[in-house]
Amino acid sequence: MKVTKREHACLVVEHAGASLVIDPGSFTTPFLVENLAAIVVTHEHADHVTPEHLERLLEGRSETPLFAPRGVAEAHPGFSWHVVDGGDVVDAAPFELAFFGGRHAMIHRSIPLVDNVGVMVNETLYYPGDSFTVPDRAVDTLAVPSSAPWLKIGEVMDYLDSVRPRRSFPTHERVNSEAGQAMANARIRHVTELHGGVFTALEPGDTIDLDGGAA
């Protein structure tokens, strides 16, 4: 199984000749994939989903399932959503998708919380969306949010300390400067390696083979 990091929060997972797209949002440049099996959207914020991305990816693929929490379906009613919540497990062959959590991390008490689910793909890759939800099982590879209005790097480090993945790489980095991302990567690397894991500083366009290393 291979993962290609695209800009900000978007990931493309490839397995057995099929592709899974996660969180194609406003900071991600337009792209297409072959043999699209499903799209997962963790929450409704524009940096994680836009109608333009969905329409482009779904052109000629009206039967492709879209999985998201209820808030996404309500925010974007023009699409046929399969509503999921924490605890749900669905099959989008060749991908098994397990969902965790249910709410976005707090940005500020004056800003309402929205629905958010983390997703585990084939019991291997876990991406929490905009949350620090810890799944109820071991995590092989963790896509780690590295910068956002809702987090500080100490919280990211505590999260890594709780999850203790075998591998990690950064996501949600578009709001960082080059210097800021280098600092965030150093902190993520420190805690990942502290527990015997391996950190890979993926940049947009980079691919990692989860059966091996960076491709």
N, C-alpha and C. Protein backbone atom coordinates (compact mmCIF):
# COMPACT_ATOMS: atom_id res chain seq x y z
N MET A 1 0.85 -1.19 0.00
CA MET A 1 0.00 0.00 0.00
C MET A 1 0.89 1.24 0.00
N LYS A 2 0.59 2.18 -0.89
CA LYS A 2 1.38 3.40 -1.02
C LYS A 2 0.52 4.62 -0.69
N VAL A 3 1.17 5.63 -0.10
CA VAL A 3 0.50 6.88 0.22
C VAL A 3 1.27 8.02 -0.43
N THR A 4 0.55 8.83 -1.19
CA THR A 4 1.14 10.05 -1.75
C THR A 4 0.56 11.23 -1.00
N LYS A 5 1.45 12.04 -0.45
CA LYS A 5 1.02 13.25 0.23
C LYS A 5 0.81 14.35 -0.79
N ARG A 6 -0.35 14.96 -0.79
CA ARG A 6 -0.58 16.14 -1.59
C ARG A 6 -0.60 17.35 -0.66
N GLU A 7 -0.81 18.55 -1.20
CA GLU A 7 -0.70 19.73 -0.37
C GLU A 7 -1.68 19.68 0.80
N HIS A 8 -1.17 20.14 1.94
CA HIS A 8 -1.92 20.32 3.17
C HIS A 8 -2.46 18.98 3.69
N ALA A 9 -3.78 18.82 3.72
CA ALA A 9 -4.38 17.68 4.43
C ALA A 9 -4.75 16.52 3.52
N CYS A 10 -4.43 16.61 2.24
CA CYS A 10 -4.91 15.60 1.29
C CYS A 10 -3.91 14.46 1.12
N LEU A 11 -4.45 13.24 1.14
CA LEU A 11 -3.66 12.03 0.93
C LEU A 11 -4.32 11.20 -0.16
N VAL A 12 -3.49 10.53 -0.97
CA VAL A 12 -3.96 9.56 -1.95
C VAL A 12 -3.33 8.22 -1.61
N VAL A 13 -4.16 7.23 -1.34
CA VAL A 13 -3.70 5.89 -0.97
C VAL A 13 -3.94 4.96 -2.15
N GLU A 14 -2.93 4.18 -2.51
CA GLU A 14 -3.04 3.23 -3.62
C GLU A 14 -2.81 1.82 -3.11
N HIS A 15 -3.68 0.92 -3.54
CA HIS A 15 -3.56 -0.48 -3.12
C HIS A 15 -4.30 -1.36 -4.12
N ALA A 16 -3.66 -2.43 -4.52
CA ALA A 16 -4.27 -3.42 -5.40
C ALA A 16 -4.91 -2.80 -6.63
N GLY A 17 -4.24 -1.79 -7.20
CA GLY A 17 -4.71 -1.18 -8.43
C GLY A 17 -5.80 -0.14 -8.26
N ALA A 18 -6.17 0.19 -7.03
CA ALA A 18 -7.22 1.18 -6.77
C ALA A 18 -6.68 2.33 -5.96
N SER A 19 -7.44 3.44 -5.95
CA SER A 19 -7.02 4.64 -5.23
C SER A 19 -8.11 5.09 -4.27
N LEU A 20 -7.67 5.61 -3.13
CA LEU A 20 -8.54 6.22 -2.12
C LEU A 20 -8.05 7.65 -1.91
N VAL A 21 -8.96 8.61 -1.95
CA VAL A 21 -8.60 10.02 -1.72
C VAL A 21 -9.17 10.45 -0.37
N ILE A 22 -8.33 11.12 0.42
CA ILE A 22 -8.74 11.62 1.73
C ILE A 22 -8.56 13.14 1.74
N ASP A 23 -9.60 13.87 2.09
CA ASP A 23 -9.57 15.31 2.36
C ASP A 23 -8.99 16.18 1.24
N PRO A 24 -9.62 16.19 0.06
CA PRO A 24 -9.18 17.09 -1.02
C PRO A 24 -9.74 18.50 -0.79
N GLY A 25 -8.94 19.40 -0.22
CA GLY A 25 -9.44 20.71 0.18
C GLY A 25 -8.84 21.87 -0.57
N SER A 26 -9.12 23.06 -0.08
CA SER A 26 -8.84 24.30 -0.80
C SER A 26 -7.35 24.62 -0.94
N PHE A 27 -6.50 24.06 -0.08
CA PHE A 27 -5.07 24.29 -0.19
C PHE A 27 -4.38 23.27 -1.09
N THR A 28 -5.16 22.35 -1.64
CA THR A 28 -4.62 21.29 -2.49
C THR A 28 -4.85 21.62 -3.95
N THR A 29 -3.80 21.55 -4.77
CA THR A 29 -3.95 21.84 -6.19
C THR A 29 -4.78 20.75 -6.86
N PRO A 30 -5.48 21.07 -7.94
CA PRO A 30 -6.33 20.08 -8.62
C PRO A 30 -5.53 18.88 -9.10
N PHE A 31 -6.14 17.71 -8.99
CA PHE A 31 -5.49 16.48 -9.42
C PHE A 31 -6.55 15.45 -9.79
N LEU A 32 -6.13 14.40 -10.48
CA LEU A 32 -6.99 13.27 -10.81
C LEU A 32 -6.29 11.99 -10.40
N VAL A 33 -7.06 10.93 -10.20
CA VAL A 33 -6.49 9.62 -9.89
C VAL A 33 -7.14 8.58 -10.79
N GLU A 34 -6.48 7.45 -10.92
CA GLU A 34 -7.05 6.33 -11.67
C GLU A 34 -7.71 5.35 -10.71
N ASN A 35 -8.77 4.69 -11.19
CA ASN A 35 -9.44 3.62 -10.45
C ASN A 35 -9.81 4.07 -9.03
N LEU A 36 -10.58 5.15 -8.95
CA LEU A 36 -10.99 5.70 -7.66
C LEU A 36 -11.99 4.78 -6.97
N ALA A 37 -11.62 4.27 -5.80
CA ALA A 37 -12.49 3.36 -5.05
C ALA A 37 -13.41 4.10 -4.11
N ALA A 38 -12.94 5.22 -3.54
CA ALA A 38 -13.75 5.97 -2.57
C ALA A 38 -13.06 7.28 -2.24
N ILE A 39 -13.84 8.19 -1.65
CA ILE A 39 -13.33 9.43 -1.09
C ILE A 39 -13.76 9.49 0.36
N VAL A 40 -12.83 9.86 1.24
CA VAL A 40 -13.13 10.09 2.65
C VAL A 40 -12.90 11.55 2.97
N VAL A 41 -13.86 12.17 3.63
CA VAL A 41 -13.72 13.54 4.11
C VAL A 41 -13.89 13.52 5.62
N THR A 42 -12.89 14.02 6.34
CA THR A 42 -12.94 13.93 7.80
C THR A 42 -13.87 14.96 8.42
N HIS A 43 -13.97 16.16 7.80
CA HIS A 43 -14.87 17.19 8.33
C HIS A 43 -15.10 18.27 7.28
N GLU A 44 -15.97 19.21 7.59
CA GLU A 44 -16.52 20.11 6.59
C GLU A 44 -15.68 21.33 6.25
N HIS A 45 -14.62 21.62 6.97
CA HIS A 45 -13.85 22.83 6.70
C HIS A 45 -13.25 22.81 5.30
N ALA A 46 -13.18 23.99 4.68
CA ALA A 46 -12.82 24.08 3.27
C ALA A 46 -11.42 23.58 2.98
N ASP A 47 -10.51 23.65 3.96
CA ASP A 47 -9.16 23.14 3.69
C ASP A 47 -9.12 21.62 3.64
N HIS A 48 -10.28 20.98 3.86
CA HIS A 48 -10.37 19.52 3.78
C HIS A 48 -11.33 19.03 2.70
N VAL A 49 -12.20 19.90 2.22
CA VAL A 49 -13.12 19.49 1.15
C VAL A 49 -13.63 20.71 0.41
N THR A 50 -13.67 20.60 -0.92
CA THR A 50 -14.34 21.61 -1.74
C THR A 50 -15.21 20.89 -2.78
N PRO A 51 -16.34 21.49 -3.14
CA PRO A 51 -17.16 20.89 -4.20
C PRO A 51 -16.39 20.74 -5.51
N GLU A 52 -15.50 21.69 -5.80
CA GLU A 52 -14.75 21.63 -7.05
C GLU A 52 -13.88 20.37 -7.13
N HIS A 53 -13.21 20.05 -6.04
CA HIS A 53 -12.41 18.83 -6.01
C HIS A 53 -13.30 17.60 -6.18
N LEU A 54 -14.41 17.56 -5.44
CA LEU A 54 -15.29 16.39 -5.52
C LEU A 54 -15.84 16.21 -6.93
N GLU A 55 -16.29 17.29 -7.53
CA GLU A 55 -16.85 17.19 -8.88
C GLU A 55 -15.81 16.71 -9.88
N ARG A 56 -14.58 17.19 -9.75
CA ARG A 56 -13.51 16.78 -10.67
C ARG A 56 -13.19 15.30 -10.49
N LEU A 57 -13.04 14.89 -9.25
CA LEU A 57 -12.66 13.50 -8.99
C LEU A 57 -13.78 12.52 -9.35
N LEU A 58 -15.02 12.97 -9.21
CA LEU A 58 -16.17 12.08 -9.44
C LEU A 58 -16.70 12.12 -10.87
N GLU A 59 -16.14 12.94 -11.72
CA GLU A 59 -16.65 13.03 -13.09
C GLU A 59 -16.62 11.66 -13.77
N GLY A 60 -17.79 11.20 -14.20
CA GLY A 60 -17.91 9.89 -14.82
C GLY A 60 -17.85 8.73 -13.84
N ARG A 61 -17.90 9.04 -12.54
CA ARG A 61 -17.79 7.99 -11.51
C ARG A 61 -18.91 8.18 -10.47
N SER A 62 -20.10 8.28 -10.92
CA SER A 62 -21.22 8.61 -10.04
C SER A 62 -21.46 7.56 -8.96
N GLU A 63 -20.96 6.36 -9.15
CA GLU A 63 -21.18 5.29 -8.17
C GLU A 63 -20.08 5.23 -7.11
N THR A 64 -19.07 6.05 -7.22
CA THR A 64 -17.99 6.04 -6.25
C THR A 64 -18.50 6.50 -4.89
N PRO A 65 -18.30 5.74 -3.83
CA PRO A 65 -18.82 6.14 -2.52
C PRO A 65 -18.01 7.26 -1.89
N LEU A 66 -18.72 8.14 -1.18
CA LEU A 66 -18.12 9.22 -0.41
C LEU A 66 -18.49 9.00 1.06
N PHE A 67 -17.48 8.94 1.92
CA PHE A 67 -17.69 8.69 3.34
C PHE A 67 -17.32 9.93 4.14
N ALA A 68 -18.20 10.34 5.05
CA ALA A 68 -17.95 11.54 5.84
C ALA A 68 -18.92 11.58 7.02
N PRO A 69 -18.61 12.36 8.05
CA PRO A 69 -19.57 12.53 9.15
C PRO A 69 -20.75 13.39 8.71
N ARG A 70 -21.78 13.42 9.53
CA ARG A 70 -23.03 14.08 9.15
C ARG A 70 -22.84 15.55 8.81
N GLY A 71 -21.95 16.25 9.52
CA GLY A 71 -21.76 17.66 9.25
C GLY A 71 -21.32 17.95 7.83
N VAL A 72 -20.53 17.05 7.26
CA VAL A 72 -20.09 17.22 5.87
C VAL A 72 -21.26 17.05 4.91
N ALA A 73 -22.06 16.04 5.16
CA ALA A 73 -23.23 15.79 4.30
C ALA A 73 -24.20 16.96 4.35
N GLU A 74 -24.34 17.59 5.50
CA GLU A 74 -25.25 18.73 5.61
C GLU A 74 -24.65 19.98 4.97
N ALA A 75 -23.34 20.12 5.04
CA ALA A 75 -22.68 21.29 4.45
C ALA A 75 -22.60 21.21 2.93
N HIS A 76 -22.58 19.98 2.40
CA HIS A 76 -22.46 19.77 0.95
C HIS A 76 -23.55 18.79 0.49
N PRO A 77 -24.81 19.24 0.48
CA PRO A 77 -25.93 18.34 0.19
C PRO A 77 -26.02 17.90 -1.27
N GLY A 78 -25.22 18.45 -2.14
CA GLY A 78 -25.31 18.10 -3.56
C GLY A 78 -24.61 16.80 -3.92
N PHE A 79 -24.11 16.07 -2.92
CA PHE A 79 -23.40 14.82 -3.18
C PHE A 79 -24.06 13.68 -2.39
N SER A 80 -23.87 12.47 -2.89
CA SER A 80 -24.48 11.28 -2.25
C SER A 80 -23.52 10.73 -1.20
N TRP A 81 -23.70 11.16 0.03
CA TRP A 81 -22.79 10.79 1.11
C TRP A 81 -23.21 9.50 1.81
N HIS A 82 -22.23 8.73 2.23
CA HIS A 82 -22.43 7.65 3.19
C HIS A 82 -21.98 8.21 4.53
N VAL A 83 -22.92 8.49 5.42
CA VAL A 83 -22.60 9.13 6.69
C VAL A 83 -22.00 8.10 7.65
N VAL A 84 -20.85 8.46 8.24
CA VAL A 84 -20.16 7.56 9.17
C VAL A 84 -19.87 8.31 10.46
N ASP A 85 -19.62 7.53 11.50
CA ASP A 85 -19.28 8.09 12.82
C ASP A 85 -18.24 7.18 13.46
N GLY A 86 -17.69 7.63 14.57
CA GLY A 86 -16.73 6.81 15.27
C GLY A 86 -17.30 5.45 15.63
N GLY A 87 -16.53 4.41 15.39
CA GLY A 87 -16.98 3.04 15.63
C GLY A 87 -17.43 2.32 14.39
N ASP A 88 -17.70 3.06 13.31
CA ASP A 88 -18.13 2.43 12.05
C ASP A 88 -16.94 1.84 11.31
N VAL A 89 -17.18 0.71 10.66
CA VAL A 89 -16.21 0.08 9.77
C VAL A 89 -16.92 -0.21 8.46
N VAL A 90 -16.34 0.25 7.35
CA VAL A 90 -16.97 0.05 6.05
C VAL A 90 -15.97 -0.55 5.08
N ASP A 91 -16.51 -1.22 4.07
CA ASP A 91 -15.69 -1.83 3.04
C ASP A 91 -15.82 -1.01 1.76
N ALA A 92 -14.68 -0.56 1.25
CA ALA A 92 -14.62 0.11 -0.05
C ALA A 92 -13.51 -0.57 -0.82
N ALA A 93 -13.72 -1.81 -1.14
CA ALA A 93 -12.69 -2.70 -1.68
C ALA A 93 -11.84 -2.01 -2.74
N PRO A 94 -10.52 -2.16 -2.57
CA PRO A 94 -9.76 -3.01 -1.66
C PRO A 94 -9.40 -2.35 -0.33
N PHE A 95 -10.18 -1.35 0.08
CA PHE A 95 -9.88 -0.63 1.32
C PHE A 95 -10.92 -0.94 2.40
N GLU A 96 -10.42 -1.27 3.59
CA GLU A 96 -11.29 -1.32 4.77
C GLU A 96 -11.05 -0.04 5.55
N LEU A 97 -12.14 0.64 5.87
CA LEU A 97 -12.06 1.94 6.52
C LEU A 97 -12.71 1.86 7.90
N ALA A 98 -11.93 2.13 8.94
CA ALA A 98 -12.46 2.16 10.30
C ALA A 98 -12.40 3.61 10.78
N PHE A 99 -13.49 4.07 11.40
CA PHE A 99 -13.61 5.48 11.78
C PHE A 99 -13.60 5.64 13.29
N PHE A 100 -13.02 6.78 13.74
CA PHE A 100 -12.83 7.01 15.17
C PHE A 100 -13.18 8.46 15.52
N GLY A 101 -13.58 8.66 16.76
CA GLY A 101 -13.87 10.00 17.25
C GLY A 101 -15.22 10.49 16.78
N GLY A 102 -15.36 11.81 16.70
CA GLY A 102 -16.63 12.37 16.28
C GLY A 102 -16.68 13.88 16.24
N ARG A 103 -15.69 14.55 16.89
CA ARG A 103 -15.71 16.01 16.94
C ARG A 103 -14.34 16.60 16.63
N HIS A 104 -14.38 17.75 16.01
CA HIS A 104 -13.19 18.53 15.71
C HIS A 104 -12.56 19.02 17.01
N ALA A 105 -11.24 19.14 17.05
CA ALA A 105 -10.59 19.74 18.20
C ALA A 105 -11.02 21.20 18.35
N MET A 106 -11.02 21.69 19.58
CA MET A 106 -11.47 23.06 19.81
C MET A 106 -10.46 24.07 19.28
N ILE A 107 -10.95 25.02 18.49
CA ILE A 107 -10.15 26.15 18.05
C ILE A 107 -10.22 27.26 19.10
N HIS A 108 -11.45 27.61 19.48
CA HIS A 108 -11.72 28.59 20.53
C HIS A 108 -13.15 28.37 21.00
N ARG A 109 -13.40 28.67 22.27
CA ARG A 109 -14.74 28.42 22.82
C ARG A 109 -15.84 29.21 22.10
N SER A 110 -15.46 30.29 21.38
CA SER A 110 -16.45 31.09 20.65
C SER A 110 -16.79 30.49 19.29
N ILE A 111 -16.05 29.47 18.86
CA ILE A 111 -16.26 28.86 17.54
C ILE A 111 -16.89 27.49 17.73
N PRO A 112 -18.07 27.25 17.15
CA PRO A 112 -18.73 25.96 17.34
C PRO A 112 -17.88 24.80 16.82
N LEU A 113 -17.93 23.69 17.55
CA LEU A 113 -17.25 22.48 17.10
C LEU A 113 -18.06 21.84 15.97
N VAL A 114 -17.36 21.22 15.04
CA VAL A 114 -18.03 20.50 13.95
C VAL A 114 -17.69 19.02 14.05
N ASP A 115 -18.46 18.22 13.31
CA ASP A 115 -18.19 16.78 13.27
C ASP A 115 -16.84 16.52 12.63
N ASN A 116 -16.13 15.51 13.14
CA ASN A 116 -14.84 15.11 12.58
C ASN A 116 -14.63 13.63 12.90
N VAL A 117 -14.19 12.88 11.90
CA VAL A 117 -13.81 11.48 12.15
C VAL A 117 -12.37 11.25 11.72
N GLY A 118 -11.65 10.48 12.52
CA GLY A 118 -10.38 9.95 12.08
C GLY A 118 -10.63 8.67 11.29
N VAL A 119 -9.70 8.33 10.40
CA VAL A 119 -9.89 7.13 9.58
C VAL A 119 -8.63 6.26 9.59
N MET A 120 -8.86 4.97 9.79
CA MET A 120 -7.81 3.96 9.69
C MET A 120 -8.03 3.18 8.40
N VAL A 121 -6.99 3.11 7.57
CA VAL A 121 -7.09 2.44 6.27
C VAL A 121 -6.35 1.11 6.33
N ASN A 122 -7.08 0.04 6.10
CA ASN A 122 -6.50 -1.31 6.05
C ASN A 122 -5.63 -1.63 7.27
N GLU A 123 -6.09 -1.15 8.44
CA GLU A 123 -5.39 -1.42 9.70
C GLU A 123 -3.93 -1.01 9.66
N THR A 124 -3.60 -0.04 8.79
CA THR A 124 -2.20 0.35 8.61
C THR A 124 -2.00 1.85 8.76
N LEU A 125 -2.71 2.65 7.98
CA LEU A 125 -2.56 4.10 7.98
C LEU A 125 -3.67 4.74 8.79
N TYR A 126 -3.30 5.62 9.73
CA TYR A 126 -4.31 6.34 10.50
C TYR A 126 -4.11 7.83 10.33
N TYR A 127 -5.21 8.52 10.01
CA TYR A 127 -5.23 9.98 9.89
C TYR A 127 -6.38 10.50 10.75
N PRO A 128 -6.09 11.36 11.76
CA PRO A 128 -7.14 11.77 12.69
C PRO A 128 -7.98 12.94 12.25
N GLY A 129 -7.73 13.47 11.01
CA GLY A 129 -8.41 14.71 10.66
C GLY A 129 -7.95 15.80 11.60
N ASP A 130 -8.85 16.72 11.93
CA ASP A 130 -8.50 17.81 12.85
C ASP A 130 -8.88 17.42 14.27
N SER A 131 -8.15 16.46 14.80
CA SER A 131 -8.42 16.00 16.16
C SER A 131 -7.19 15.30 16.70
N PHE A 132 -7.23 15.04 17.99
CA PHE A 132 -6.21 14.22 18.64
C PHE A 132 -6.83 12.91 19.11
N THR A 133 -7.75 12.38 18.34
CA THR A 133 -8.40 11.11 18.69
C THR A 133 -7.40 9.97 18.60
N VAL A 134 -7.30 9.21 19.68
CA VAL A 134 -6.42 8.05 19.72
C VAL A 134 -7.25 6.81 19.43
N PRO A 135 -6.92 6.05 18.38
CA PRO A 135 -7.71 4.85 18.07
C PRO A 135 -7.49 3.77 19.12
N ASP A 136 -8.40 2.81 19.12
CA ASP A 136 -8.37 1.76 20.14
C ASP A 136 -7.51 0.57 19.72
N ARG A 137 -6.52 0.83 18.87
CA ARG A 137 -5.66 -0.24 18.37
C ARG A 137 -4.29 0.35 18.00
N ALA A 138 -3.33 -0.53 17.79
CA ALA A 138 -1.99 -0.09 17.43
C ALA A 138 -2.02 0.60 16.06
N VAL A 139 -1.17 1.61 15.90
CA VAL A 139 -1.08 2.36 14.66
C VAL A 139 0.27 2.09 14.02
N ASP A 140 0.25 1.55 12.81
CA ASP A 140 1.49 1.34 12.07
C ASP A 140 2.04 2.67 11.57
N THR A 141 1.23 3.41 10.81
CA THR A 141 1.67 4.67 10.21
C THR A 141 0.67 5.77 10.56
N LEU A 142 1.17 6.85 11.14
CA LEU A 142 0.33 7.97 11.55
C LEU A 142 0.63 9.18 10.69
N ALA A 143 -0.41 9.72 10.04
CA ALA A 143 -0.32 11.01 9.37
C ALA A 143 -0.61 12.08 10.41
N VAL A 144 0.39 12.87 10.78
CA VAL A 144 0.32 13.75 11.94
C VAL A 144 0.03 15.19 11.54
N PRO A 145 -1.08 15.77 11.97
CA PRO A 145 -1.27 17.21 11.76
C PRO A 145 -0.14 17.98 12.44
N SER A 146 0.53 18.85 11.68
CA SER A 146 1.73 19.50 12.21
C SER A 146 1.55 20.97 12.53
N SER A 147 0.50 21.60 12.01
CA SER A 147 0.27 23.01 12.30
C SER A 147 -1.19 23.34 11.98
N ALA A 148 -1.81 24.14 12.85
CA ALA A 148 -3.21 24.51 12.64
C ALA A 148 -3.63 25.51 13.71
N PRO A 149 -4.73 26.24 13.50
CA PRO A 149 -5.23 27.14 14.54
C PRO A 149 -5.68 26.40 15.80
N TRP A 150 -5.90 25.10 15.69
CA TRP A 150 -6.43 24.34 16.84
C TRP A 150 -5.35 23.59 17.61
N LEU A 151 -4.08 23.72 17.24
CA LEU A 151 -3.07 22.94 17.94
C LEU A 151 -1.83 23.76 18.25
N LYS A 152 -1.06 23.29 19.22
CA LYS A 152 0.30 23.76 19.44
C LYS A 152 1.20 22.53 19.42
N ILE A 153 2.47 22.73 19.14
CA ILE A 153 3.33 21.58 18.88
C ILE A 153 3.48 20.68 20.11
N GLY A 154 3.37 21.25 21.32
CA GLY A 154 3.43 20.41 22.51
C GLY A 154 2.29 19.40 22.55
N GLU A 155 1.10 19.81 22.07
CA GLU A 155 -0.03 18.89 22.01
C GLU A 155 0.21 17.80 20.98
N VAL A 156 0.83 18.16 19.87
CA VAL A 156 1.17 17.16 18.85
C VAL A 156 2.14 16.14 19.43
N MET A 157 3.11 16.61 20.19
CA MET A 157 4.08 15.72 20.80
C MET A 157 3.42 14.80 21.82
N ASP A 158 2.49 15.34 22.61
CA ASP A 158 1.75 14.50 23.56
C ASP A 158 0.92 13.46 22.82
N TYR A 159 0.34 13.87 21.70
CA TYR A 159 -0.46 12.94 20.90
C TYR A 159 0.40 11.79 20.38
N LEU A 160 1.56 12.11 19.85
CA LEU A 160 2.48 11.07 19.41
C LEU A 160 2.89 10.16 20.56
N ASP A 161 3.06 10.75 21.73
CA ASP A 161 3.43 9.98 22.91
C ASP A 161 2.33 8.99 23.28
N SER A 162 1.07 9.34 22.99
CA SER A 162 -0.05 8.44 23.27
C SER A 162 -0.20 7.37 22.19
N VAL A 163 -0.06 7.76 20.93
CA VAL A 163 -0.29 6.82 19.82
C VAL A 163 0.90 5.88 19.62
N ARG A 164 2.11 6.42 19.70
CA ARG A 164 3.34 5.65 19.52
C ARG A 164 3.34 4.84 18.22
N PRO A 165 3.22 5.52 17.09
CA PRO A 165 3.18 4.80 15.81
C PRO A 165 4.54 4.22 15.46
N ARG A 166 4.52 3.20 14.60
CA ARG A 166 5.77 2.64 14.09
C ARG A 166 6.41 3.58 13.08
N ARG A 167 5.56 4.38 12.43
CA ARG A 167 6.02 5.33 11.42
C ARG A 167 5.16 6.58 11.50
N SER A 168 5.70 7.74 11.16
CA SER A 168 4.90 8.97 11.10
C SER A 168 5.39 9.85 9.97
N PHE A 169 4.47 10.70 9.49
CA PHE A 169 4.83 11.76 8.55
C PHE A 169 3.88 12.93 8.77
N PRO A 170 4.30 14.16 8.42
CA PRO A 170 3.49 15.34 8.72
C PRO A 170 2.44 15.63 7.66
N THR A 171 1.31 16.15 8.11
CA THR A 171 0.27 16.68 7.22
C THR A 171 -0.18 18.03 7.79
N HIS A 172 -1.14 18.65 7.10
CA HIS A 172 -1.78 19.88 7.60
C HIS A 172 -0.72 20.95 7.86
N GLU A 173 0.17 21.14 6.88
CA GLU A 173 1.33 22.00 7.07
C GLU A 173 1.28 23.32 6.30
N ARG A 174 0.22 23.52 5.50
CA ARG A 174 0.24 24.66 4.56
C ARG A 174 0.29 26.01 5.26
N VAL A 175 -0.17 26.10 6.49
CA VAL A 175 -0.16 27.38 7.20
C VAL A 175 1.21 27.69 7.79
N ASN A 176 2.15 26.78 7.68
CA ASN A 176 3.50 26.98 8.21
C ASN A 176 4.41 27.65 7.19
N SER A 177 5.37 28.43 7.66
CA SER A 177 6.49 28.86 6.83
C SER A 177 7.45 27.68 6.70
N GLU A 178 8.43 27.81 5.83
CA GLU A 178 9.43 26.76 5.68
C GLU A 178 10.17 26.52 7.00
N ALA A 179 10.51 27.60 7.69
CA ALA A 179 11.20 27.47 8.97
C ALA A 179 10.28 26.84 10.02
N GLY A 180 9.02 27.24 10.03
CA GLY A 180 8.08 26.68 10.99
C GLY A 180 7.86 25.20 10.79
N GLN A 181 7.79 24.78 9.53
CA GLN A 181 7.60 23.36 9.27
C GLN A 181 8.83 22.55 9.66
N ALA A 182 10.01 23.11 9.45
CA ALA A 182 11.22 22.42 9.87
C ALA A 182 11.23 22.21 11.38
N MET A 183 10.76 23.20 12.13
CA MET A 183 10.68 23.07 13.58
C MET A 183 9.65 22.01 13.98
N ALA A 184 8.48 22.05 13.33
CA ALA A 184 7.45 21.06 13.63
C ALA A 184 7.94 19.65 13.32
N ASN A 185 8.59 19.49 12.16
CA ASN A 185 9.11 18.17 11.79
C ASN A 185 10.11 17.66 12.82
N ALA A 186 10.95 18.56 13.33
CA ALA A 186 11.95 18.14 14.32
C ALA A 186 11.28 17.62 15.59
N ARG A 187 10.21 18.27 16.01
CA ARG A 187 9.50 17.84 17.22
C ARG A 187 8.78 16.51 16.99
N ILE A 188 8.17 16.37 15.82
CA ILE A 188 7.48 15.11 15.50
C ILE A 188 8.48 13.97 15.42
N ARG A 189 9.59 14.22 14.77
CA ARG A 189 10.65 13.21 14.66
C ARG A 189 11.13 12.80 16.06
N HIS A 190 11.33 13.77 16.94
CA HIS A 190 11.87 13.49 18.27
C HIS A 190 11.00 12.49 19.02
N VAL A 191 9.69 12.73 19.06
CA VAL A 191 8.82 11.85 19.84
C VAL A 191 8.61 10.51 19.12
N THR A 192 8.52 10.54 17.81
CA THR A 192 8.39 9.28 17.07
C THR A 192 9.59 8.38 17.34
N GLU A 193 10.78 8.94 17.24
CA GLU A 193 11.99 8.14 17.44
C GLU A 193 12.19 7.77 18.90
N LEU A 194 11.66 8.58 19.80
CA LEU A 194 11.76 8.28 21.23
C LEU A 194 11.14 6.93 21.55
N HIS A 195 10.11 6.56 20.79
CA HIS A 195 9.42 5.29 21.00
C HIS A 195 9.81 4.24 19.97
N GLY A 196 10.93 4.45 19.28
CA GLY A 196 11.44 3.45 18.35
C GLY A 196 10.84 3.51 16.97
N GLY A 197 10.08 4.56 16.67
CA GLY A 197 9.48 4.69 15.36
C GLY A 197 10.37 5.41 14.36
N VAL A 198 9.88 5.50 13.12
CA VAL A 198 10.61 6.14 12.02
C VAL A 198 9.77 7.29 11.49
N PHE A 199 10.39 8.47 11.37
CA PHE A 199 9.72 9.65 10.85
C PHE A 199 10.21 9.93 9.43
N THR A 200 9.28 10.25 8.53
CA THR A 200 9.61 10.64 7.16
C THR A 200 8.99 12.00 6.87
N ALA A 201 9.82 12.97 6.51
CA ALA A 201 9.34 14.34 6.28
C ALA A 201 8.82 14.46 4.85
N LEU A 202 7.64 13.91 4.60
CA LEU A 202 7.08 13.96 3.25
C LEU A 202 6.73 15.39 2.86
N GLU A 203 7.02 15.73 1.61
CA GLU A 203 6.59 16.97 0.99
C GLU A 203 5.49 16.66 -0.02
N PRO A 204 4.67 17.66 -0.39
CA PRO A 204 3.63 17.41 -1.39
C PRO A 204 4.21 16.76 -2.65
N GLY A 205 3.61 15.67 -3.07
CA GLY A 205 4.08 14.91 -4.22
C GLY A 205 4.91 13.72 -3.86
N ASP A 206 5.41 13.67 -2.62
CA ASP A 206 6.21 12.51 -2.18
C ASP A 206 5.30 11.32 -1.89
N THR A 207 5.84 10.13 -2.13
CA THR A 207 5.11 8.88 -1.91
C THR A 207 5.90 8.01 -0.95
N ILE A 208 5.18 7.36 -0.04
CA ILE A 208 5.80 6.40 0.86
C ILE A 208 5.13 5.04 0.66
N ASP A 209 5.94 4.01 0.54
CA ASP A 209 5.46 2.65 0.41
C ASP A 209 5.37 2.07 1.82
N LEU A 210 4.17 1.79 2.28
CA LEU A 210 3.99 1.34 3.65
C LEU A 210 4.46 -0.10 3.85
N ASP A 211 4.84 -0.74 2.76
CA ASP A 211 5.51 -2.05 2.87
C ASP A 211 7.02 -1.91 2.85
N GLY A 212 7.45 -0.64 2.68
CA GLY A 212 8.90 -0.41 2.63
C GLY A 212 9.24 0.95 3.18
N GLY A 213 9.71 1.86 2.32
CA GLY A 213 10.07 3.20 2.75
C GLY A 213 9.66 4.20 1.72
N ALA A 214 10.26 5.39 1.76
CA ALA A 214 9.92 6.44 0.82
C ALA A 214 10.20 6.00 -0.61
N ALA A 215 9.30 6.29 -1.50
CA ALA A 215 9.46 5.89 -2.90
C ALA A 215 9.95 7.06 -3.74
